[in-house]
Structure formats: structure tokens, C-alpha cells
Amino acid sequence: MGFAHLGVLEVMEENGLRPSCIAGTSAGAIAAALYGLGIPLSDIASAMEILSLQQEKALSSHFPRLHALSLSRTGGFIGGDIVESILHKVTRGKKLSEVCLPISIVSVDLVTGETVVFTSQAPPSPYLRKPGRSYIVDAPISQAVRASISIPVIFAPKVLGERVLVDGGVKELVPAYEVRRMGAEEVVAVDVSSESDKPQEVTGIIGVLLRTFAIMERDATSRHLAEYASLVIQPETGHPSFPSPSEIRRLIEAGRRAARLNMERWLAIARS
């Protein structure tokens, strides 16, 4: 559903707005990382499409194991190396220090339970850090995104030294706090998790896993946004499937539509 973020960013740019910093989790981490590098939005959409198709291919090839609930010794049905390799090529091997604007990408350490943030801008002092958070500064962007998109059980965790990192959405699906930490006075958050409040039919092992995670994280997301976000944009994404060209266009348009509906309030915040 990260494609909806691209639609929001498009409308933002159409109205002469640009963020002073950006943060992302899971699919939002891909959009945030590539936008932070200054890559045009149309090119970001193409890169995300390639990544999504690779994930679909990986899931399809592993379906017999998924059906049998057979996990690999890496802790997931899919290893994730192909995705990281593609990200490395798309980002040209750049590190977080090479982005055009401050950026944070969120993951979670399964060993310690900490929120682990890959960032180009660490806190100036350990005493100013929020409890339960650790920061990794100036890592390769591909490494950071690979950790943040590692949905537990589906993707193998990203092992980094002693850390075993998974999708940041386990604890912080919309990282509004991180944008505040990097100095933003006002925070516009894009929340694609609101669709989980609606009844959904659930089929298959993957569907059960994703629906379970969505329900578990919803209350925490709402509380987090109430505390840290100035404006919450909630695109109506429906129940997206793996992205086909038409599905990608639909999700981007959902982001555009939600941004336009909120643009008057957004502009008022920008002027304040």
C-alpha cells in the first residue's frame, strides 16, 4: 500500500510543498528512502513496482511451503536477499548520509524488543532519546529498508550483528514521532492502516497473518498519531492485492484523492 504515499507526495508537490524531513515504516520506508534521495516520483513508482513483483514471485514460488507452514532456518518463508539486492541497485549503494533531506526508517529488534531506527540524523544526546529506542546512523539505505519491510514470518528477519530486525510496523506503523525528533514543528502523517477497522474476508495463511498484524497494530497507531501528528491523511485503499499496473494506479490515485481532500487544512498548517 506504499503506492498511496506516492499519490500524497504528488499532490504535495503540486501545491508547492516539500517536507523538511521524512520517515517511513514497511512499504512507507521504500517511498521515504527513495524520495529522500531525490528520485522523481514517477521513477519511485517504477522501482516499487519491480520490488512488489519480486515479492509476489517469491511468495508464489514458496506456496507449497507456506501451505505446509514450513519455515526456513532463517525464520521466514522468504529470504529477502533479492529485494535487498534490487534496493541496492536502485539506491546506487548510497548510505543515509547521502540523502537530500533528513530521513528515518523504522524497524524492530526481535531479541531486545526495541524500536531500531536507521537514520541520517541521530539524537544529539542519549538523554534526549525516547526509552526503548536505538539508532543506527549512516547505514546503507538498502539495508535499512530491507529491515523495515521484513513482515514477521513471511520475510526472514534482517540479521545485523547481534540484532534480528523485522518490520517496524510491529510497534510503529506510522513513525510520526521520528519526524518530530528530526525537528519538524508540524507533522503530516499518511496512515494506510485505517482500512483494518472495516470488516474483511480473510483467506489463506498469508491473509490470516496480515489481518492479525493489522488488527494488533491499529490501536497503537491511533494513539501514536493522536500524540505526534498535526494532520492524518487516510487514503481509502480498500483491500489491495499484489500490485498489477492497474492496482498500482488505483492506489496512487487513492493517495492523491485523500491528499486533495485534506489540502486546505494542510496548507493552513504550512502557513502557521
Protein backbone atom coordinates (compact mmCIF):
# COMPACT_ATOMS: atom_id res chain seq x y z
CA MET A 1 0.00 0.00 0.00
CA GLY A 2 3.05 2.25 -0.12
CA PHE A 3 1.91 3.37 -3.55
CA ALA A 4 -0.73 5.54 -1.85
CA HIS A 5 2.12 7.51 -0.25
CA LEU A 6 3.32 8.45 -3.73
CA GLY A 7 -0.05 9.96 -4.59
CA VAL A 8 0.07 12.08 -1.44
CA LEU A 9 3.57 13.28 -2.29
CA GLU A 10 2.49 14.15 -5.84
CA VAL A 11 -0.32 16.41 -4.60
CA MET A 12 2.01 17.95 -2.04
CA GLU A 13 4.45 18.92 -4.78
CA GLU A 14 1.62 20.22 -6.99
CA ASN A 15 0.81 22.67 -4.20
CA GLY A 16 4.38 23.88 -3.82
CA LEU A 17 5.06 21.97 -0.61
CA ARG A 18 8.10 19.93 0.34
CA PRO A 19 8.85 18.22 3.65
CA SER A 20 11.84 19.28 5.73
CA CYS A 21 12.34 15.65 6.77
CA ILE A 22 10.68 12.29 6.17
CA ALA A 23 10.24 8.96 7.96
CA GLY A 24 8.77 5.64 6.91
CA THR A 25 7.95 2.14 8.04
CA SER A 26 7.44 -1.01 5.97
CA ALA A 27 6.24 -0.09 2.44
CA GLY A 28 6.35 3.55 3.54
CA ALA A 29 10.08 3.08 4.16
CA ILE A 30 10.64 2.42 0.46
CA ALA A 31 8.78 5.59 -0.53
CA ALA A 32 10.55 7.65 2.14
CA ALA A 33 14.02 6.36 1.26
CA LEU A 34 13.74 6.93 -2.47
CA TYR A 35 12.07 10.32 -2.07
CA GLY A 36 14.75 11.31 0.41
CA LEU A 37 17.35 10.53 -2.25
CA GLY A 38 15.68 13.00 -4.60
CA ILE A 39 14.45 10.36 -7.06
CA PRO A 40 11.46 11.62 -9.13
CA LEU A 41 8.11 10.23 -8.01
CA SER A 42 7.46 8.53 -11.36
CA ASP A 43 10.74 6.64 -11.04
CA ILE A 44 9.92 5.69 -7.44
CA ALA A 45 6.65 4.15 -8.63
CA SER A 46 8.53 2.06 -11.18
CA ALA A 47 11.06 0.89 -8.60
CA MET A 48 8.33 -0.05 -6.12
CA GLU A 49 6.51 -1.97 -8.84
CA ILE A 50 9.64 -4.04 -9.51
CA LEU A 51 10.03 -4.76 -5.79
CA SER A 52 6.38 -5.75 -5.44
CA LEU A 53 6.56 -8.10 -8.40
CA GLN A 54 9.67 -9.73 -6.94
CA GLN A 55 7.84 -10.26 -3.65
CA GLU A 56 4.86 -11.78 -5.47
CA LYS A 57 7.17 -14.09 -7.41
CA ALA A 58 8.90 -15.16 -4.20
CA LEU A 59 5.60 -15.87 -2.45
CA SER A 60 4.30 -17.86 -5.41
CA SER A 61 7.42 -20.00 -5.62
CA HIS A 62 7.20 -20.72 -1.88
CA PHE A 63 3.48 -21.50 -1.82
CA PRO A 64 3.88 -25.25 -1.10
CA ARG A 65 5.96 -24.41 1.96
CA LEU A 66 3.51 -21.71 3.01
CA HIS A 67 0.66 -24.17 2.81
CA ALA A 68 2.56 -26.61 5.00
CA LEU A 69 3.69 -23.88 7.42
CA SER A 70 7.31 -24.88 6.86
CA LEU A 71 9.65 -22.10 7.94
CA SER A 72 13.24 -21.99 6.82
CA ARG A 73 16.03 -21.81 9.35
CA THR A 74 16.24 -18.07 8.63
CA GLY A 75 12.88 -17.52 10.34
CA GLY A 76 10.69 -16.70 7.33
CA PHE A 77 9.22 -18.09 4.15
CA ILE A 78 11.19 -15.62 2.00
CA GLY A 79 14.85 -14.76 2.49
CA GLY A 80 14.78 -11.16 1.31
CA ASP A 81 18.19 -11.10 -0.35
CA ILE A 82 16.74 -10.44 -3.81
CA VAL A 83 14.76 -7.47 -2.52
CA GLU A 84 17.82 -6.04 -0.79
CA SER A 85 19.88 -6.51 -3.95
CA ILE A 86 17.31 -4.62 -6.03
CA LEU A 87 17.18 -1.85 -3.42
CA HIS A 88 20.98 -1.63 -3.52
CA LYS A 89 20.87 -1.10 -7.29
CA VAL A 90 18.00 1.41 -7.16
CA THR A 91 19.73 3.45 -4.45
CA ARG A 92 23.12 3.04 -6.15
CA GLY A 93 24.55 1.70 -2.91
CA LYS A 94 24.13 5.03 -1.14
CA LYS A 95 24.08 5.50 2.61
CA LEU A 96 21.66 7.52 4.71
CA SER A 97 24.23 10.31 4.95
CA GLU A 98 23.80 10.88 1.22
CA VAL A 99 20.08 11.71 1.22
CA CYS A 100 18.78 15.14 0.23
CA LEU A 101 16.74 15.64 3.39
CA PRO A 102 16.84 14.11 6.89
CA ILE A 103 15.33 10.63 6.96
CA SER A 104 14.45 7.87 9.43
CA ILE A 105 13.44 4.29 8.67
CA VAL A 106 11.92 2.20 11.46
CA SER A 107 12.37 -1.47 12.33
CA VAL A 108 12.03 -3.62 15.47
CA ASP A 109 14.62 -5.88 17.13
CA LEU A 110 13.05 -9.26 17.94
CA VAL A 111 15.76 -10.00 20.51
CA THR A 112 15.52 -6.85 22.66
CA GLY A 113 12.03 -5.67 21.68
CA GLU A 114 13.47 -2.22 20.94
CA THR A 115 12.40 0.07 18.15
CA VAL A 116 15.51 0.36 15.98
CA VAL A 117 15.69 3.43 13.76
CA PHE A 118 18.04 3.78 10.81
CA THR A 119 18.60 7.49 10.42
CA SER A 120 20.65 10.21 8.84
CA GLN A 121 20.18 12.38 11.91
CA ALA A 122 20.67 10.77 15.33
CA PRO A 123 19.60 12.47 18.58
CA PRO A 124 22.25 14.91 19.88
CA SER A 125 22.34 13.16 23.24
CA PRO A 126 21.32 9.74 24.61
CA TYR A 127 19.40 11.57 27.32
CA LEU A 128 17.03 13.02 24.73
CA ARG A 129 16.11 9.66 23.27
CA LYS A 130 12.73 8.11 23.88
CA PRO A 131 13.03 4.96 26.04
CA GLY A 132 13.05 1.68 24.16
CA ARG A 133 14.64 3.13 21.02
CA SER A 134 18.05 2.63 19.47
CA TYR A 135 19.54 4.43 16.49
CA ILE A 136 21.78 3.25 13.68
CA VAL A 137 23.38 6.16 11.86
CA ASP A 138 24.58 6.22 8.26
CA ALA A 139 23.76 2.64 7.27
CA PRO A 140 23.26 1.64 3.63
CA ILE A 141 19.76 2.63 2.58
CA SER A 142 19.09 -0.82 1.10
CA GLN A 143 19.93 -2.42 4.45
CA ALA A 144 17.61 -0.09 6.37
CA VAL A 145 14.66 -0.64 4.04
CA ARG A 146 15.23 -4.41 3.93
CA ALA A 147 14.90 -4.49 7.73
CA SER A 148 11.82 -2.27 7.80
CA ILE A 149 9.83 -4.29 5.24
CA SER A 150 10.52 -7.69 6.84
CA ILE A 151 6.99 -8.72 7.80
CA PRO A 152 7.43 -11.35 10.54
CA VAL A 153 7.15 -14.98 9.43
CA ILE A 154 6.66 -14.01 5.77
CA PHE A 155 10.12 -12.44 5.33
CA ALA A 156 13.18 -13.64 7.17
CA PRO A 157 14.44 -11.02 9.63
CA LYS A 158 17.40 -8.86 8.69
CA VAL A 159 20.29 -10.03 10.87
CA LEU A 160 22.68 -7.19 11.64
CA GLY A 161 25.36 -8.10 14.16
CA GLU A 162 23.52 -9.14 17.31
CA ARG A 163 20.27 -7.64 16.07
CA VAL A 164 17.41 -9.56 14.46
CA LEU A 165 15.33 -6.90 12.73
CA VAL A 166 11.77 -7.07 11.42
CA ASP A 167 9.07 -4.78 10.05
CA GLY A 168 8.81 -1.52 12.03
CA GLY A 169 5.03 -1.79 11.88
CA VAL A 170 5.20 -4.33 14.69
CA LYS A 171 5.48 -1.33 17.03
CA GLU A 172 5.25 1.86 14.95
CA LEU A 173 3.41 1.70 11.65
CA VAL A 174 3.35 5.47 11.05
CA PRO A 175 6.52 6.98 12.57
CA ALA A 176 5.27 10.46 13.37
CA TYR A 177 7.50 10.68 16.45
CA GLU A 178 10.60 10.34 14.32
CA VAL A 179 9.63 13.35 12.22
CA ARG A 180 9.21 15.39 15.41
CA ARG A 181 12.57 14.16 16.65
CA MET A 182 14.25 15.36 13.47
CA GLY A 183 12.95 18.86 14.10
CA ALA A 184 9.57 19.16 12.38
CA GLU A 185 7.20 21.56 14.12
CA GLU A 186 4.20 20.13 12.26
CA VAL A 187 3.75 16.53 11.11
CA VAL A 188 1.56 15.30 8.26
CA ALA A 189 1.12 11.54 8.60
CA VAL A 190 -0.09 9.15 5.91
CA ASP A 191 -1.95 6.28 7.58
CA VAL A 192 -2.94 3.37 5.33
CA SER A 193 -3.90 1.16 8.27
CA SER A 194 -7.36 2.66 8.83
CA GLU A 195 -8.89 0.16 6.40
CA SER A 196 -8.27 -2.53 9.02
CA ASP A 197 -11.18 -1.07 11.03
CA LYS A 198 -13.57 -2.35 8.36
CA PRO A 199 -14.82 -5.96 8.16
CA GLN A 200 -12.74 -8.09 5.81
CA GLU A 201 -12.93 -11.60 4.45
CA VAL A 202 -9.76 -13.49 5.25
CA THR A 203 -8.48 -16.41 3.19
CA GLY A 204 -5.20 -18.33 3.22
CA ILE A 205 -2.29 -18.37 5.62
CA ILE A 206 -0.84 -15.10 4.37
CA GLY A 207 -4.23 -13.41 4.67
CA VAL A 208 -4.60 -14.60 8.26
CA LEU A 209 -1.11 -13.36 9.18
CA LEU A 210 -1.52 -9.92 7.60
CA ARG A 211 -5.02 -9.43 9.03
CA THR A 212 -3.79 -10.41 12.50
CA PHE A 213 -0.92 -7.92 12.38
CA ALA A 214 -3.26 -5.17 11.11
CA ILE A 215 -5.70 -5.64 13.99
CA MET A 216 -2.93 -5.82 16.59
CA GLU A 217 -1.23 -2.63 15.49
CA ARG A 218 -4.33 -0.48 14.91
CA ASP A 219 -4.90 0.86 18.45
CA ALA A 220 -1.21 1.62 18.96
CA THR A 221 -1.13 3.51 15.66
CA SER A 222 -4.15 5.62 16.60
CA ARG A 223 -2.62 6.57 19.95
CA HIS A 224 0.73 7.40 18.37
CA LEU A 225 -0.83 9.66 15.74
CA ALA A 226 -3.02 11.42 18.30
CA GLU A 227 0.13 12.35 20.22
CA TYR A 228 2.52 13.32 17.43
CA ALA A 229 0.68 14.13 14.18
CA SER A 230 -0.72 17.54 13.24
CA LEU A 231 -2.72 16.11 10.33
CA VAL A 232 -3.52 12.49 9.46
CA ILE A 233 -4.29 11.59 5.86
CA GLN A 234 -6.02 8.21 5.45
CA PRO A 235 -6.25 7.05 1.83
CA GLU A 236 -9.10 4.64 1.12
CA THR A 237 -7.01 1.79 -0.20
CA GLY A 238 -9.63 -0.93 0.08
CA HIS A 239 -8.15 -4.41 0.30
CA PRO A 240 -5.25 -4.28 -2.14
CA SER A 241 -3.85 -7.37 -3.80
CA PHE A 242 -0.32 -7.77 -5.14
CA PRO A 243 0.22 -4.78 -7.41
CA SER A 244 -0.64 -5.08 -11.06
CA PRO A 245 -0.26 -1.92 -13.19
CA SER A 246 -3.96 -1.13 -12.71
CA GLU A 247 -3.76 -1.78 -8.95
CA ILE A 248 -0.74 0.49 -8.65
CA ARG A 249 -2.58 3.29 -10.45
CA ARG A 250 -5.59 2.78 -8.18
CA LEU A 251 -3.52 3.06 -5.01
CA ILE A 252 -1.65 6.14 -6.21
CA GLU A 253 -4.97 7.75 -7.08
CA ALA A 254 -6.32 6.88 -3.61
CA GLY A 255 -3.38 8.80 -2.16
CA ARG A 256 -3.99 11.77 -4.45
CA ARG A 257 -7.67 11.86 -3.58
CA ALA A 258 -7.05 11.76 0.18
CA ALA A 259 -4.38 14.48 -0.08
CA ARG A 260 -6.67 16.76 -2.07
CA LEU A 261 -9.49 16.31 0.43
CA ASN A 262 -7.10 17.43 3.20
CA MET A 263 -5.15 20.06 1.26
CA GLU A 264 -6.94 23.09 2.71
CA ARG A 265 -6.04 22.01 6.23
CA TRP A 266 -2.54 21.08 5.08
CA LEU A 267 -1.92 24.50 3.58
CA ALA A 268 -3.24 26.17 6.73
CA ILE A 269 -0.73 24.17 8.78
CA ALA A 270 2.08 25.08 6.38
CA ARG A 271 1.27 28.79 6.70
CA SER A 272 1.09 28.75 10.50
